[in-house]
Amino acid sequence: MSAIDERLYQIACSFPALQHKGVQEGRLPGITPTDFYDLDLSAWLYEGGGGLLSHGEFLILEGLLNLCNPQLHDKFNLGEALQTLDPDNMQALLNGIVRTYNRR
């Protein structure tokens, strides 16, 4: 397990919306306690079950993909997230951005 994968998993688990979707139980493709498979998550999000998510949940997962690899996953829009997410999920996003930036 890499520190990056573990950090992204912990960030994903910090979102109340993803907790309700069962992220900790492995119900979101590509997100596990030991690995963050961005290509699996991206394929599911854009070509699979992502259409069943709320707009906010979709934005959160796009944000996680962007934190993982911003060059490959460049569809995330922070301004849209600011207008869409409730305060708890927005705080989780901001904390995730800071944690990724600080690499801790």
C-alpha atoms as a PDB file:
ATOM      1  CA  MET A   1       0.000   0.000   0.000  1.00  0.00           C
ATOM      2  CA  SER A   2       1.346   3.398  -0.868  1.00  0.00           C
ATOM      3  CA  ALA A   3       0.972   6.408   1.379  1.00  0.00           C
ATOM      4  CA  ILE A   4      -0.851   8.213  -1.451  1.00  0.00           C
ATOM      5  CA  ASP A   5      -3.442   5.426  -1.784  1.00  0.00           C
ATOM      6  CA  GLU A   6      -3.992   5.337   1.970  1.00  0.00           C
ATOM      7  CA  ARG A   7      -4.357   9.113   2.120  1.00  0.00           C
ATOM      8  CA  LEU A   8      -6.864   9.170  -0.764  1.00  0.00           C
ATOM      9  CA  TYR A   9      -8.878   6.411   0.915  1.00  0.00           C
ATOM     10  CA  GLN A  10      -8.918   8.373   4.174  1.00  0.00           C
ATOM     11  CA  ILE A  11      -9.945  11.527   2.313  1.00  0.00           C
ATOM     12  CA  ALA A  12     -12.742   9.609   0.540  1.00  0.00           C
ATOM     13  CA  CYS A  13     -13.969   8.257   3.882  1.00  0.00           C
ATOM     14  CA  SER A  14     -14.138  11.783   5.314  1.00  0.00           C
ATOM     15  CA  PHE A  15     -17.033  12.771   3.014  1.00  0.00           C
ATOM     16  CA  PRO A  16     -20.423  12.224   4.665  1.00  0.00           C
ATOM     17  CA  ALA A  17     -21.983  11.685   1.221  1.00  0.00           C
ATOM     18  CA  LEU A  18     -19.535   8.885   0.425  1.00  0.00           C
ATOM     19  CA  GLN A  19     -19.978   7.354   3.868  1.00  0.00           C
ATOM     20  CA  HIS A  20     -23.677   7.001   3.028  1.00  0.00           C
ATOM     21  CA  LYS A  21     -22.695   5.325  -0.263  1.00  0.00           C
ATOM     22  CA  GLY A  22     -20.648   2.719   1.614  1.00  0.00           C
ATOM     23  CA  VAL A  23     -17.118   3.838   0.763  1.00  0.00           C
ATOM     24  CA  GLN A  24     -15.781   2.200   3.928  1.00  0.00           C
ATOM     25  CA  GLU A  25     -17.474  -1.075   2.992  1.00  0.00           C
ATOM     26  CA  GLY A  26     -15.914  -1.070  -0.488  1.00  0.00           C
ATOM     27  CA  ARG A  27     -19.081  -0.160  -2.372  1.00  0.00           C
ATOM     28  CA  LEU A  28     -17.407   2.415  -4.626  1.00  0.00           C
ATOM     29  CA  PRO A  29     -15.307   0.909  -7.418  1.00  0.00           C
ATOM     30  CA  GLY A  30     -11.618   1.710  -7.250  1.00  0.00           C
ATOM     31  CA  ILE A  31     -11.557   2.859  -3.628  1.00  0.00           C
ATOM     32  CA  THR A  32     -10.203   0.370  -1.085  1.00  0.00           C
ATOM     33  CA  PRO A  33      -8.300   0.730   2.191  1.00  0.00           C
ATOM     34  CA  THR A  34      -5.113  -0.424   0.465  1.00  0.00           C
ATOM     35  CA  ASP A  35      -5.389   1.011  -3.057  1.00  0.00           C
ATOM     36  CA  PHE A  36      -6.925   3.862  -5.007  1.00  0.00           C
ATOM     37  CA  TYR A  37      -7.551   2.684  -8.559  1.00  0.00           C
ATOM     38  CA  ASP A  38      -8.278   5.958 -10.304  1.00  0.00           C
ATOM     39  CA  LEU A  39      -8.852   4.370 -13.724  1.00  0.00           C
ATOM     40  CA  ASP A  40     -11.433   1.950 -12.288  1.00  0.00           C
ATOM     41  CA  LEU A  41     -13.192   4.758 -10.448  1.00  0.00           C
ATOM     42  CA  SER A  42     -13.127   6.982 -13.535  1.00  0.00           C
ATOM     43  CA  ALA A  43     -14.541   4.247 -15.795  1.00  0.00           C
ATOM     44  CA  TRP A  44     -17.343   3.559 -13.318  1.00  0.00           C
ATOM     45  CA  LEU A  45     -18.060   7.256 -12.815  1.00  0.00           C
ATOM     46  CA  TYR A  46     -18.264   8.201 -16.499  1.00  0.00           C
ATOM     47  CA  GLU A  47     -19.281   4.937 -18.162  1.00  0.00           C
ATOM     48  CA  GLY A  48     -20.987   2.892 -15.453  1.00  0.00           C
ATOM     49  CA  GLY A  49     -22.901   3.568 -12.282  1.00  0.00           C
ATOM     50  CA  GLY A  50     -21.901   7.194 -11.888  1.00  0.00           C
ATOM     51  CA  GLY A  51     -25.128   8.284 -13.530  1.00  0.00           C
ATOM     52  CA  LEU A  52     -27.004   7.057 -10.461  1.00  0.00           C
ATOM     53  CA  LEU A  53     -25.173   9.466  -8.146  1.00  0.00           C
ATOM     54  CA  SER A  54     -26.414  12.844  -7.030  1.00  0.00           C
ATOM     55  CA  HIS A  55     -24.712  15.851  -8.586  1.00  0.00           C
ATOM     56  CA  GLY A  56     -22.797  16.481  -5.353  1.00  0.00           C
ATOM     57  CA  GLU A  57     -21.616  12.874  -5.065  1.00  0.00           C
ATOM     58  CA  PHE A  58     -20.459  12.982  -8.676  1.00  0.00           C
ATOM     59  CA  LEU A  59     -18.502  16.196  -8.009  1.00  0.00           C
ATOM     60  CA  ILE A  60     -16.879  14.695  -4.923  1.00  0.00           C
ATOM     61  CA  LEU A  61     -15.632  11.699  -6.898  1.00  0.00           C
ATOM     62  CA  GLU A  62     -14.386  13.972  -9.686  1.00  0.00           C
ATOM     63  CA  GLY A  63     -12.544  15.926  -6.994  1.00  0.00           C
ATOM     64  CA  LEU A  64     -10.908  12.766  -5.658  1.00  0.00           C
ATOM     65  CA  LEU A  65      -9.811  11.790  -9.153  1.00  0.00           C
ATOM     66  CA  ASN A  66      -8.369  15.269  -9.642  1.00  0.00           C
ATOM     67  CA  LEU A  67      -6.461  15.038  -6.362  1.00  0.00           C
ATOM     68  CA  CYS A  68      -5.071  11.680  -7.485  1.00  0.00           C
ATOM     69  CA  ASN A  69      -3.908  12.775 -10.944  1.00  0.00           C
ATOM     70  CA  PRO A  70      -4.854  16.296 -12.071  1.00  0.00           C
ATOM     71  CA  GLN A  71      -3.259  15.898 -15.485  1.00  0.00           C
ATOM     72  CA  LEU A  72      -5.380  12.866 -16.363  1.00  0.00           C
ATOM     73  CA  HIS A  73      -8.548  13.736 -14.448  1.00  0.00           C
ATOM     74  CA  ASP A  74      -9.143  17.393 -15.257  1.00  0.00           C
ATOM     75  CA  LYS A  75     -12.965  17.624 -15.286  1.00  0.00           C
ATOM     76  CA  PHE A  76     -13.359  18.720 -11.655  1.00  0.00           C
ATOM     77  CA  ASN A  77     -14.665  22.270 -11.206  1.00  0.00           C
ATOM     78  CA  LEU A  78     -14.044  23.802  -7.777  1.00  0.00           C
ATOM     79  CA  GLY A  79     -16.448  26.682  -8.390  1.00  0.00           C
ATOM     80  CA  GLU A  80     -19.227  24.246  -9.200  1.00  0.00           C
ATOM     81  CA  ALA A  81     -18.405  22.287  -6.037  1.00  0.00           C
ATOM     82  CA  LEU A  82     -18.598  25.514  -3.999  1.00  0.00           C
ATOM     83  CA  GLN A  83     -22.100  26.136  -5.340  1.00  0.00           C
ATOM     84  CA  THR A  84     -23.281  22.537  -4.933  1.00  0.00           C
ATOM     85  CA  LEU A  85     -21.849  20.857  -1.846  1.00  0.00           C
ATOM     86  CA  ASP A  86     -23.317  21.250   1.615  1.00  0.00           C
ATOM     87  CA  PRO A  87     -21.002  22.639   4.337  1.00  0.00           C
ATOM     88  CA  ASP A  88     -19.904  19.241   5.725  1.00  0.00           C
ATOM     89  CA  ASN A  89     -18.949  17.794   2.346  1.00  0.00           C
ATOM     90  CA  MET A  90     -17.331  21.081   1.296  1.00  0.00           C
ATOM     91  CA  GLN A  91     -15.242  21.046   4.468  1.00  0.00           C
ATOM     92  CA  ALA A  92     -14.175  17.465   3.724  1.00  0.00           C
ATOM     93  CA  LEU A  93     -13.148  18.570   0.211  1.00  0.00           C
ATOM     94  CA  LEU A  94     -11.157  21.532   1.508  1.00  0.00           C
ATOM     95  CA  ASN A  95      -9.477  19.346   4.135  1.00  0.00           C
ATOM     96  CA  GLY A  96      -8.640  16.805   1.425  1.00  0.00           C
ATOM     97  CA  ILE A  97      -7.096  19.501  -0.774  1.00  0.00           C
ATOM     98  CA  VAL A  98      -4.967  20.760   2.125  1.00  0.00           C
ATOM     99  CA  ARG A  99      -3.961  17.234   3.097  1.00  0.00           C
ATOM    100  CA  THR A 100      -2.942  16.415  -0.486  1.00  0.00           C
ATOM    101  CA  TYR A 101      -1.029  19.686  -0.805  1.00  0.00           C
ATOM    102  CA  ASN A 102       0.799  19.107   2.490  1.00  0.00           C
ATOM    103  CA  ARG A 103       1.388  15.424   1.575  1.00  0.00           C
ATOM    104  CA  ARG A 104       0.415  14.257   5.082  1.00  0.00           C
END
